[in-house]
Amino acid sequence: MTNLIIQGICGRMGRALVDKISVRTDCRIVAGVDQNDGNVGEIPVYSSLDALPEGISGVVIDFTSPAGAVGAARYCAAHGMACVLCSTGLSKDDEAVIEQASEKVPVFRSANMSVGINVLIELAREASRLLGSEFDVEIVEKHHRNKLDAPSGTALMIADAINDEADGRYEYVYDRHAVRQKRGSQELGISSVRGGGIVGDHDVLFCGPEEVVTISHVAQSRGVFADGAVQAALFLDGRAPGYYTMSDLLKGKMQCI
C-alpha cells in the first residue's frame, strides 16, 4: 500500500485525486495540504507541508502552482520523500531547484499527467522523423477560460519533442498577425484557444503539399490527469533518487506487455 500526501487537496485537481484514489486498493491518502486546514472526509488537512505531524510520510503529489511545486521539491528533498510535480509555468530557476531535489529523492515531473497525451507526444516525435522537413508543423491547443498560461505547457512539451527529433531546426512562432510574409520553412506554429470549460484539447498538424496528418488528444475530464498522477506516484514508490518523466512510465508499461 502506497501512502500519498496531496498538496492542493481542496482544489479541482485535489478533489479529482480524492475521487480516483477512494476506489483504489493499492494506495491511500494519509494527509492533505491546503491553505485552510481541517478535514476532507476522514483525511486530515494541514496548512502546509511543514505543518505535517512527525511520522506522516508518503509520496507527495502537488497540483498547485510553480511556487507550490518548488516548495514540495525542497520539503521532500529534506525529508527523504518522493514527489510528483504537476504544475505548469515553472521558470528555469524553479526547474533548477527541482533538478537539485532529484539528486536526493525520486522526483516525477510532467506538465501534463495524462498517459494519453504522452502517447501523443511519442507519436508526434515518430511522425516528425518519418515525414521530415517537407511537412510544416502546427500545434493548436485549447483550454478553459481560466487557464493562466499560454501556450500550454503541454503544447511546449509536444513542440520540444518534435524539435528534438528534428535536431533543433525549428523556431517557435506564437503569433503571426503583425507579420505579413510567407511561412518560413523552419517555423513551428503554436496557437492557443481559451474558452468555456474546455478541459484540454491538443492537435498536432503535419501539413504536406497534398495531404495533412493530424494527431489529436481530447481530455474529457480532469480524471485523466488525476489517474496519471496516481500512476506516477505508484511508479516512484521505492525508486532510487532521480528525475523521472512520463517517458519513463511509458517505458515501464511497455516492458510489462
C-alpha atoms as a PDB file:
ATOM      1  CA  MET A   1       0.000   0.000   0.000  1.00  0.00           C
ATOM      2  CA  THR A   2       1.477   3.346  -1.082  1.00  0.00           C
ATOM      3  CA  ASN A   3       0.824   6.331   1.178  1.00  0.00           C
ATOM      4  CA  LEU A   4       0.019   9.612  -0.596  1.00  0.00           C
ATOM      5  CA  ILE A   5       0.037  13.238   0.533  1.00  0.00           C
ATOM      6  CA  ILE A   6      -1.940  15.609  -1.703  1.00  0.00           C
ATOM      7  CA  GLN A   7      -0.834  19.243  -1.793  1.00  0.00           C
ATOM      8  CA  GLY A   8      -3.762  21.306  -3.075  1.00  0.00           C
ATOM      9  CA  ILE A   9      -6.318  18.756  -1.907  1.00  0.00           C
ATOM     10  CA  CYS A  10      -9.188  21.265  -1.825  1.00  0.00           C
ATOM     11  CA  GLY A  11      -8.680  22.412  -5.412  1.00  0.00           C
ATOM     12  CA  ARG A  12     -10.308  20.953  -8.507  1.00  0.00           C
ATOM     13  CA  MET A  13      -7.459  18.532  -9.188  1.00  0.00           C
ATOM     14  CA  GLY A  14      -7.191  17.688  -5.499  1.00  0.00           C
ATOM     15  CA  ARG A  15     -10.848  16.683  -5.431  1.00  0.00           C
ATOM     16  CA  ALA A  16     -10.373  14.639  -8.607  1.00  0.00           C
ATOM     17  CA  LEU A  17      -7.478  12.825  -6.921  1.00  0.00           C
ATOM     18  CA  VAL A  18      -9.573  12.077  -3.839  1.00  0.00           C
ATOM     19  CA  ASP A  19     -12.303  10.583  -6.043  1.00  0.00           C
ATOM     20  CA  LYS A  20      -9.834   8.442  -8.029  1.00  0.00           C
ATOM     21  CA  ILE A  21      -7.926   7.168  -5.017  1.00  0.00           C
ATOM     22  CA  SER A  22     -11.057   6.392  -2.972  1.00  0.00           C
ATOM     23  CA  VAL A  23     -11.802   3.366  -5.176  1.00  0.00           C
ATOM     24  CA  ARG A  24      -8.251   2.001  -5.337  1.00  0.00           C
ATOM     25  CA  THR A  25      -6.758  -0.683  -3.105  1.00  0.00           C
ATOM     26  CA  ASP A  26      -3.070  -0.095  -3.891  1.00  0.00           C
ATOM     27  CA  CYS A  27      -2.761   3.390  -2.368  1.00  0.00           C
ATOM     28  CA  ARG A  28      -4.370   5.685   0.173  1.00  0.00           C
ATOM     29  CA  ILE A  29      -4.282   9.373   1.113  1.00  0.00           C
ATOM     30  CA  VAL A  30      -2.790   9.820   4.575  1.00  0.00           C
ATOM     31  CA  ALA A  31      -2.834  13.635   4.591  1.00  0.00           C
ATOM     32  CA  GLY A  32      -3.774  16.670   2.552  1.00  0.00           C
ATOM     33  CA  VAL A  33      -2.237  20.110   2.393  1.00  0.00           C
ATOM     34  CA  ASP A  34      -4.182  23.286   1.623  1.00  0.00           C
ATOM     35  CA  GLN A  35      -4.490  26.887   2.764  1.00  0.00           C
ATOM     36  CA  ASN A  36      -7.314  26.048   5.140  1.00  0.00           C
ATOM     37  CA  ASP A  37      -6.600  23.095   7.421  1.00  0.00           C
ATOM     38  CA  GLY A  38      -9.317  20.788   8.690  1.00  0.00           C
ATOM     39  CA  ASN A  39     -10.562  17.604   7.069  1.00  0.00           C
ATOM     40  CA  VAL A  40     -11.685  16.327   3.681  1.00  0.00           C
ATOM     41  CA  GLY A  41     -13.914  13.465   4.711  1.00  0.00           C
ATOM     42  CA  GLU A  42     -11.692  11.428   7.027  1.00  0.00           C
ATOM     43  CA  ILE A  43      -8.459  12.842   5.550  1.00  0.00           C
ATOM     44  CA  PRO A  44      -6.643  15.309   7.840  1.00  0.00           C
ATOM     45  CA  VAL A  45      -5.661  18.527   6.043  1.00  0.00           C
ATOM     46  CA  TYR A  46      -2.771  20.755   7.133  1.00  0.00           C
ATOM     47  CA  SER A  47      -1.969  24.338   6.176  1.00  0.00           C
ATOM     48  CA  SER A  48       1.486  23.475   4.790  1.00  0.00           C
ATOM     49  CA  LEU A  49       3.866  20.571   4.321  1.00  0.00           C
ATOM     50  CA  ASP A  50       5.888  21.912   7.235  1.00  0.00           C
ATOM     51  CA  ALA A  51       2.794  21.535   9.421  1.00  0.00           C
ATOM     52  CA  LEU A  52       2.593  17.768   8.830  1.00  0.00           C
ATOM     53  CA  PRO A  53       2.938  15.880  12.124  1.00  0.00           C
ATOM     54  CA  GLU A  54       6.041  13.824  12.676  1.00  0.00           C
ATOM     55  CA  GLY A  55       5.557  10.278  11.435  1.00  0.00           C
ATOM     56  CA  ILE A  56       3.355  11.111   8.443  1.00  0.00           C
ATOM     57  CA  SER A  57       5.160  10.320   5.216  1.00  0.00           C
ATOM     58  CA  GLY A  58       4.357   9.231   1.681  1.00  0.00           C
ATOM     59  CA  VAL A  59       4.669  10.264  -1.921  1.00  0.00           C
ATOM     60  CA  VAL A  60       3.701  13.928  -2.270  1.00  0.00           C
ATOM     61  CA  ILE A  61       1.513  14.844  -5.260  1.00  0.00           C
ATOM     62  CA  ASP A  62       1.447  18.574  -5.980  1.00  0.00           C
ATOM     63  CA  PHE A  63      -1.232  20.157  -8.181  1.00  0.00           C
ATOM     64  CA  THR A  64      -0.921  23.779  -7.055  1.00  0.00           C
ATOM     65  CA  SER A  65       1.435  26.339  -8.610  1.00  0.00           C
ATOM     66  CA  PRO A  66       5.096  26.816  -9.543  1.00  0.00           C
ATOM     67  CA  ALA A  67       5.772  28.056  -6.004  1.00  0.00           C
ATOM     68  CA  GLY A  68       3.970  25.029  -4.564  1.00  0.00           C
ATOM     69  CA  ALA A  69       5.970  22.647  -6.758  1.00  0.00           C
ATOM     70  CA  VAL A  70       9.262  24.228  -5.673  1.00  0.00           C
ATOM     71  CA  GLY A  71       8.206  24.091  -2.020  1.00  0.00           C
ATOM     72  CA  ALA A  72       7.226  20.427  -2.358  1.00  0.00           C
ATOM     73  CA  ALA A  73      10.556  19.574  -4.005  1.00  0.00           C
ATOM     74  CA  ARG A  74      12.505  21.255  -1.230  1.00  0.00           C
ATOM     75  CA  TYR A  75      10.416  19.649   1.520  1.00  0.00           C
ATOM     76  CA  CYS A  76      10.701  16.181   0.018  1.00  0.00           C
ATOM     77  CA  ALA A  77      14.452  16.511  -0.503  1.00  0.00           C
ATOM     78  CA  ALA A  78      14.838  17.495   3.144  1.00  0.00           C
ATOM     79  CA  HIS A  79      12.625  14.654   4.431  1.00  0.00           C
ATOM     80  CA  GLY A  80      13.585  11.826   2.087  1.00  0.00           C
ATOM     81  CA  MET A  81      10.194  11.626   0.363  1.00  0.00           C
ATOM     82  CA  ALA A  82       9.333  11.111  -3.305  1.00  0.00           C
ATOM     83  CA  CYS A  83       7.217  13.702  -5.094  1.00  0.00           C
ATOM     84  CA  VAL A  84       5.077  14.050  -8.220  1.00  0.00           C
ATOM     85  CA  LEU A  85       5.033  17.631  -9.512  1.00  0.00           C
ATOM     86  CA  CYS A  86       2.232  18.508 -11.913  1.00  0.00           C
ATOM     87  CA  SER A  87       2.214  22.318 -12.072  1.00  0.00           C
ATOM     88  CA  THR A  88       2.911  24.236 -15.287  1.00  0.00           C
ATOM     89  CA  GLY A  89       4.577  27.594 -15.865  1.00  0.00           C
ATOM     90  CA  LEU A  90       7.790  26.826 -13.968  1.00  0.00           C
ATOM     91  CA  SER A  91      10.767  29.119 -14.573  1.00  0.00           C
ATOM     92  CA  LYS A  92      14.322  27.985 -15.263  1.00  0.00           C
ATOM     93  CA  ASP A  93      15.168  28.766 -11.629  1.00  0.00           C
ATOM     94  CA  ASP A  94      12.225  26.635 -10.471  1.00  0.00           C
ATOM     95  CA  GLU A  95      13.368  23.765 -12.676  1.00  0.00           C
ATOM     96  CA  ALA A  96      16.883  24.064 -11.255  1.00  0.00           C
ATOM     97  CA  VAL A  97      15.532  23.601  -7.709  1.00  0.00           C
ATOM     98  CA  ILE A  98      13.594  20.519  -8.806  1.00  0.00           C
ATOM     99  CA  GLU A  99      16.635  19.011 -10.518  1.00  0.00           C
ATOM    100  CA  GLN A 100      18.676  19.571  -7.341  1.00  0.00           C
ATOM    101  CA  ALA A 101      15.978  17.798  -5.308  1.00  0.00           C
ATOM    102  CA  SER A 102      16.074  14.848  -7.723  1.00  0.00           C
ATOM    103  CA  GLU A 103      19.683  14.223  -6.711  1.00  0.00           C
ATOM    104  CA  LYS A 104      18.416  13.299  -3.228  1.00  0.00           C
ATOM    105  CA  VAL A 105      14.963  11.794  -3.809  1.00  0.00           C
ATOM    106  CA  PRO A 106      12.888  10.437  -6.710  1.00  0.00           C
ATOM    107  CA  VAL A 107      11.056  13.290  -8.467  1.00  0.00           C
ATOM    108  CA  PHE A 108       8.428  12.809 -11.194  1.00  0.00           C
ATOM    109  CA  ARG A 109       7.814  15.895 -13.310  1.00  0.00           C
ATOM    110  CA  SER A 110       5.382  16.398 -16.169  1.00  0.00           C
ATOM    111  CA  ALA A 111       3.462  19.400 -17.463  1.00  0.00           C
ATOM    112  CA  ASN A 112       0.643  17.015 -18.385  1.00  0.00           C
ATOM    113  CA  MET A 113      -0.113  13.892 -16.369  1.00  0.00           C
ATOM    114  CA  SER A 114      -2.397  12.275 -18.951  1.00  0.00           C
ATOM    115  CA  VAL A 115      -0.954   8.993 -20.178  1.00  0.00           C
ATOM    116  CA  GLY A 116      -2.789   9.535 -23.473  1.00  0.00           C
ATOM    117  CA  ILE A 117      -1.222  12.929 -24.173  1.00  0.00           C
ATOM    118  CA  ASN A 118       2.201  11.458 -23.565  1.00  0.00           C
ATOM    119  CA  VAL A 119       1.446   8.723 -26.081  1.00  0.00           C
ATOM    120  CA  LEU A 120       0.528  11.552 -28.495  1.00  0.00           C
ATOM    121  CA  ILE A 121       3.934  13.119 -27.857  1.00  0.00           C
ATOM    122  CA  GLU A 122       5.703   9.896 -28.766  1.00  0.00           C
ATOM    123  CA  LEU A 123       3.562   9.568 -31.915  1.00  0.00           C
ATOM    124  CA  ALA A 124       4.346  13.169 -32.884  1.00  0.00           C
ATOM    125  CA  ARG A 125       8.041  12.509 -32.404  1.00  0.00           C
ATOM    126  CA  GLU A 126       7.836   9.477 -34.686  1.00  0.00           C
ATOM    127  CA  ALA A 127       5.757  11.359 -37.291  1.00  0.00           C
ATOM    128  CA  SER A 128       8.393  14.096 -37.372  1.00  0.00           C
ATOM    129  CA  ARG A 129      11.076  11.501 -38.045  1.00  0.00           C
ATOM    130  CA  LEU A 130       9.106   9.790 -40.805  1.00  0.00           C
ATOM    131  CA  LEU A 131       7.651  12.850 -42.560  1.00  0.00           C
ATOM    132  CA  GLY A 132      10.732  15.060 -42.417  1.00  0.00           C
ATOM    133  CA  SER A 133      11.082  18.689 -43.463  1.00  0.00           C
ATOM    134  CA  GLU A 134       8.574  18.534 -46.344  1.00  0.00           C
ATOM    135  CA  PHE A 135       5.724  18.783 -43.837  1.00  0.00           C
ATOM    136  CA  ASP A 136       5.023  22.016 -41.947  1.00  0.00           C
ATOM    137  CA  VAL A 137       4.140  21.520 -38.268  1.00  0.00           C
ATOM    138  CA  GLU A 138       1.393  23.377 -36.411  1.00  0.00           C
ATOM    139  CA  ILE A 139       0.138  22.784 -32.858  1.00  0.00           C
ATOM    140  CA  VAL A 140      -3.276  24.022 -31.708  1.00  0.00           C
ATOM    141  CA  GLU A 141      -4.142  23.813 -28.008  1.00  0.00           C
ATOM    142  CA  LYS A 142      -7.497  24.624 -26.407  1.00  0.00           C
ATOM    143  CA  HIS A 143      -8.230  25.109 -22.710  1.00  0.00           C
ATOM    144  CA  HIS A 144     -10.822  26.590 -20.368  1.00  0.00           C
ATOM    145  CA  ARG A 145     -11.217  30.324 -19.928  1.00  0.00           C
ATOM    146  CA  ASN A 146      -9.481  30.376 -16.506  1.00  0.00           C
ATOM    147  CA  LYS A 147      -6.141  28.920 -17.634  1.00  0.00           C
ATOM    148  CA  LEU A 148      -3.416  31.476 -16.982  1.00  0.00           C
ATOM    149  CA  ASP A 149      -0.500  30.403 -19.185  1.00  0.00           C
ATOM    150  CA  ALA A 150      -0.445  30.364 -22.981  1.00  0.00           C
ATOM    151  CA  PRO A 151       0.708  28.422 -24.809  1.00  0.00           C
ATOM    152  CA  SER A 152       0.078  25.462 -22.550  1.00  0.00           C
ATOM    153  CA  GLY A 153       2.964  23.577 -21.030  1.00  0.00           C
ATOM    154  CA  THR A 154       1.731  20.532 -22.917  1.00  0.00           C
ATOM    155  CA  ALA A 155       1.934  22.320 -26.284  1.00  0.00           C
ATOM    156  CA  LEU A 156       5.527  23.216 -25.490  1.00  0.00           C
ATOM    157  CA  MET A 157       6.242  19.588 -24.490  1.00  0.00           C
ATOM    158  CA  ILE A 158       4.940  18.459 -27.871  1.00  0.00           C
ATOM    159  CA  ALA A 159       6.914  21.129 -29.712  1.00  0.00           C
ATOM    160  CA  ASP A 160      10.114  20.266 -27.843  1.00  0.00           C
ATOM    161  CA  ALA A 161       9.747  16.557 -28.651  1.00  0.00           C
ATOM    162  CA  ILE A 162       9.283  17.315 -32.350  1.00  0.00           C
ATOM    163  CA  ASN A 163      12.157  19.788 -32.336  1.00  0.00           C
ATOM    164  CA  ASP A 164      14.466  17.325 -30.602  1.00  0.00           C
ATOM    165  CA  GLU A 165      13.694  14.754 -33.285  1.00  0.00           C
ATOM    166  CA  ALA A 166      14.402  17.405 -35.945  1.00  0.00           C
ATOM    167  CA  ASP A 167      17.822  18.275 -34.428  1.00  0.00           C
ATOM    168  CA  GLY A 168      16.549  21.646 -33.205  1.00  0.00           C
ATOM    169  CA  ARG A 169      15.867  23.167 -36.617  1.00  0.00           C
ATOM    170  CA  TYR A 170      12.517  24.722 -35.682  1.00  0.00           C
ATOM    171  CA  GLU A 171      11.779  28.232 -34.465  1.00  0.00           C
ATOM    172  CA  TYR A 172       8.561  28.518 -32.432  1.00  0.00           C
ATOM    173  CA  VAL A 173       6.106  31.108 -33.744  1.00  0.00           C
ATOM    174  CA  TYR A 174       3.196  32.064 -31.474  1.00  0.00           C
ATOM    175  CA  ASP A 175       1.555  34.957 -33.289  1.00  0.00           C
ATOM    176  CA  ARG A 176       1.501  35.924 -36.955  1.00  0.00           C
ATOM    177  CA  HIS A 177      -0.994  38.798 -37.030  1.00  0.00           C
ATOM    178  CA  ALA A 178       1.682  41.501 -37.199  1.00  0.00           C
ATOM    179  CA  VAL A 179       3.890  39.781 -39.770  1.00  0.00           C
ATOM    180  CA  ARG A 180       2.866  39.878 -43.453  1.00  0.00           C
ATOM    181  CA  GLN A 181       5.138  37.307 -45.036  1.00  0.00           C
ATOM    182  CA  LYS A 182       5.107  33.692 -46.164  1.00  0.00           C
ATOM    183  CA  ARG A 183       5.556  30.965 -43.605  1.00  0.00           C
ATOM    184  CA  GLY A 184       9.205  30.117 -43.069  1.00  0.00           C
ATOM    185  CA  SER A 185      10.381  26.540 -43.579  1.00  0.00           C
ATOM    186  CA  GLN A 186      11.872  26.495 -40.072  1.00  0.00           C
ATOM    187  CA  GLU A 187       8.704  27.660 -38.329  1.00  0.00           C
ATOM    188  CA  LEU A 188       6.729  25.545 -35.856  1.00  0.00           C
ATOM    189  CA  GLY A 189       3.465  27.324 -35.176  1.00  0.00           C
ATOM    190  CA  ILE A 190       1.732  27.141 -31.788  1.00  0.00           C
ATOM    191  CA  SER A 191      -1.786  28.568 -31.400  1.00  0.00           C
ATOM    192  CA  SER A 192      -3.853  28.920 -28.218  1.00  0.00           C
ATOM    193  CA  VAL A 193      -7.621  28.965 -27.712  1.00  0.00           C
ATOM    194  CA  ARG A 194      -9.235  29.877 -24.371  1.00  0.00           C
ATOM    195  CA  GLY A 195     -12.926  29.463 -23.720  1.00  0.00           C
ATOM    196  CA  GLY A 196     -15.680  27.959 -21.598  1.00  0.00           C
ATOM    197  CA  GLY A 197     -14.896  24.767 -19.753  1.00  0.00           C
ATOM    198  CA  ILE A 198     -12.575  23.038 -22.238  1.00  0.00           C
ATOM    199  CA  VAL A 199     -10.513  20.617 -20.144  1.00  0.00           C
ATOM    200  CA  GLY A 200      -7.679  20.301 -22.647  1.00  0.00           C
ATOM    201  CA  ASP A 201      -7.534  19.609 -26.403  1.00  0.00           C
ATOM    202  CA  HIS A 202      -4.326  19.301 -28.437  1.00  0.00           C
ATOM    203  CA  ASP A 203      -3.993  18.872 -32.193  1.00  0.00           C
ATOM    204  CA  VAL A 204      -0.663  18.376 -33.985  1.00  0.00           C
ATOM    205  CA  LEU A 205      -0.845  19.004 -37.731  1.00  0.00           C
ATOM    206  CA  PHE A 206       1.795  17.829 -40.172  1.00  0.00           C
ATOM    207  CA  CYS A 207       0.887  19.743 -43.332  1.00  0.00           C
ATOM    208  CA  GLY A 208       2.350  18.450 -46.582  1.00  0.00           C
ATOM    209  CA  PRO A 209       1.940  19.720 -50.167  1.00  0.00           C
ATOM    210  CA  GLU A 210      -1.074  17.496 -50.814  1.00  0.00           C
ATOM    211  CA  GLU A 211      -2.022  15.885 -47.507  1.00  0.00           C
ATOM    212  CA  VAL A 212      -2.346  16.649 -43.815  1.00  0.00           C
ATOM    213  CA  VAL A 213      -1.676  14.233 -40.983  1.00  0.00           C
ATOM    214  CA  THR A 214      -3.374  15.230 -37.701  1.00  0.00           C
ATOM    215  CA  ILE A 215      -2.719  13.656 -34.307  1.00  0.00           C
ATOM    216  CA  SER A 216      -5.249  14.657 -31.656  1.00  0.00           C
ATOM    217  CA  HIS A 217      -5.939  14.206 -27.973  1.00  0.00           C
ATOM    218  CA  VAL A 218      -9.059  15.330 -26.103  1.00  0.00           C
ATOM    219  CA  ALA A 219      -9.213  15.253 -22.313  1.00  0.00           C
ATOM    220  CA  GLN A 220     -12.858  14.707 -21.390  1.00  0.00           C
ATOM    221  CA  SER A 221     -12.414  15.211 -17.654  1.00  0.00           C
ATOM    222  CA  ARG A 222      -9.766  16.101 -15.100  1.00  0.00           C
ATOM    223  CA  GLY A 223      -9.861  12.477 -14.034  1.00  0.00           C
ATOM    224  CA  VAL A 224      -7.311  11.580 -16.718  1.00  0.00           C
ATOM    225  CA  PHE A 225      -4.748  13.872 -15.086  1.00  0.00           C
ATOM    226  CA  ALA A 226      -5.543  12.534 -11.614  1.00  0.00           C
ATOM    227  CA  ASP A 227      -5.188   8.949 -12.834  1.00  0.00           C
ATOM    228  CA  GLY A 228      -1.821   9.723 -14.415  1.00  0.00           C
ATOM    229  CA  ALA A 229      -0.590  11.374 -11.225  1.00  0.00           C
ATOM    230  CA  VAL A 230      -1.552   8.301  -9.186  1.00  0.00           C
ATOM    231  CA  GLN A 231       0.229   6.043 -11.668  1.00  0.00           C
ATOM    232  CA  ALA A 232       3.293   8.274 -11.376  1.00  0.00           C
ATOM    233  CA  ALA A 233       3.226   8.078  -7.573  1.00  0.00           C
ATOM    234  CA  LEU A 234       2.996   4.279  -7.645  1.00  0.00           C
ATOM    235  CA  PHE A 235       5.817   4.219 -10.211  1.00  0.00           C
ATOM    236  CA  LEU A 236       8.031   6.323  -7.903  1.00  0.00           C
ATOM    237  CA  ASP A 237       7.419   4.346  -4.723  1.00  0.00           C
ATOM    238  CA  GLY A 238      10.666   2.575  -3.832  1.00  0.00           C
ATOM    239  CA  ARG A 239      12.659   4.083  -6.723  1.00  0.00           C
ATOM    240  CA  ALA A 240      16.177   5.451  -6.436  1.00  0.00           C
ATOM    241  CA  PRO A 241      16.686   9.235  -6.459  1.00  0.00           C
ATOM    242  CA  GLY A 242      16.405  10.706  -9.931  1.00  0.00           C
ATOM    243  CA  TYR A 243      14.387  12.895 -12.289  1.00  0.00           C
ATOM    244  CA  TYR A 244      11.602  10.818 -13.856  1.00  0.00           C
ATOM    245  CA  THR A 245       9.101  11.703 -16.587  1.00  0.00           C
ATOM    246  CA  MET A 246       6.160  10.161 -18.398  1.00  0.00           C
ATOM    247  CA  SER A 247       8.624   8.636 -20.883  1.00  0.00           C
ATOM    248  CA  ASP A 248       9.984   6.510 -18.029  1.00  0.00           C
ATOM    249  CA  LEU A 249       6.468   5.481 -17.007  1.00  0.00           C
ATOM    250  CA  LEU A 250       5.539   4.535 -20.567  1.00  0.00           C
ATOM    251  CA  LYS A 251       8.732   2.513 -20.972  1.00  0.00           C
ATOM    252  CA  GLY A 252       7.831   0.639 -17.792  1.00  0.00           C
ATOM    253  CA  LYS A 253       4.393  -0.139 -19.234  1.00  0.00           C
ATOM    254  CA  MET A 254       5.933  -1.424 -22.462  1.00  0.00           C
ATOM    255  CA  GLN A 255       8.215  -3.773 -20.531  1.00  0.00           C
ATOM    256  CA  CYS A 256       5.156  -5.302 -18.869  1.00  0.00           C
ATOM    257  CA  ILE A 257       3.456  -6.105 -22.189  1.00  0.00           C
END
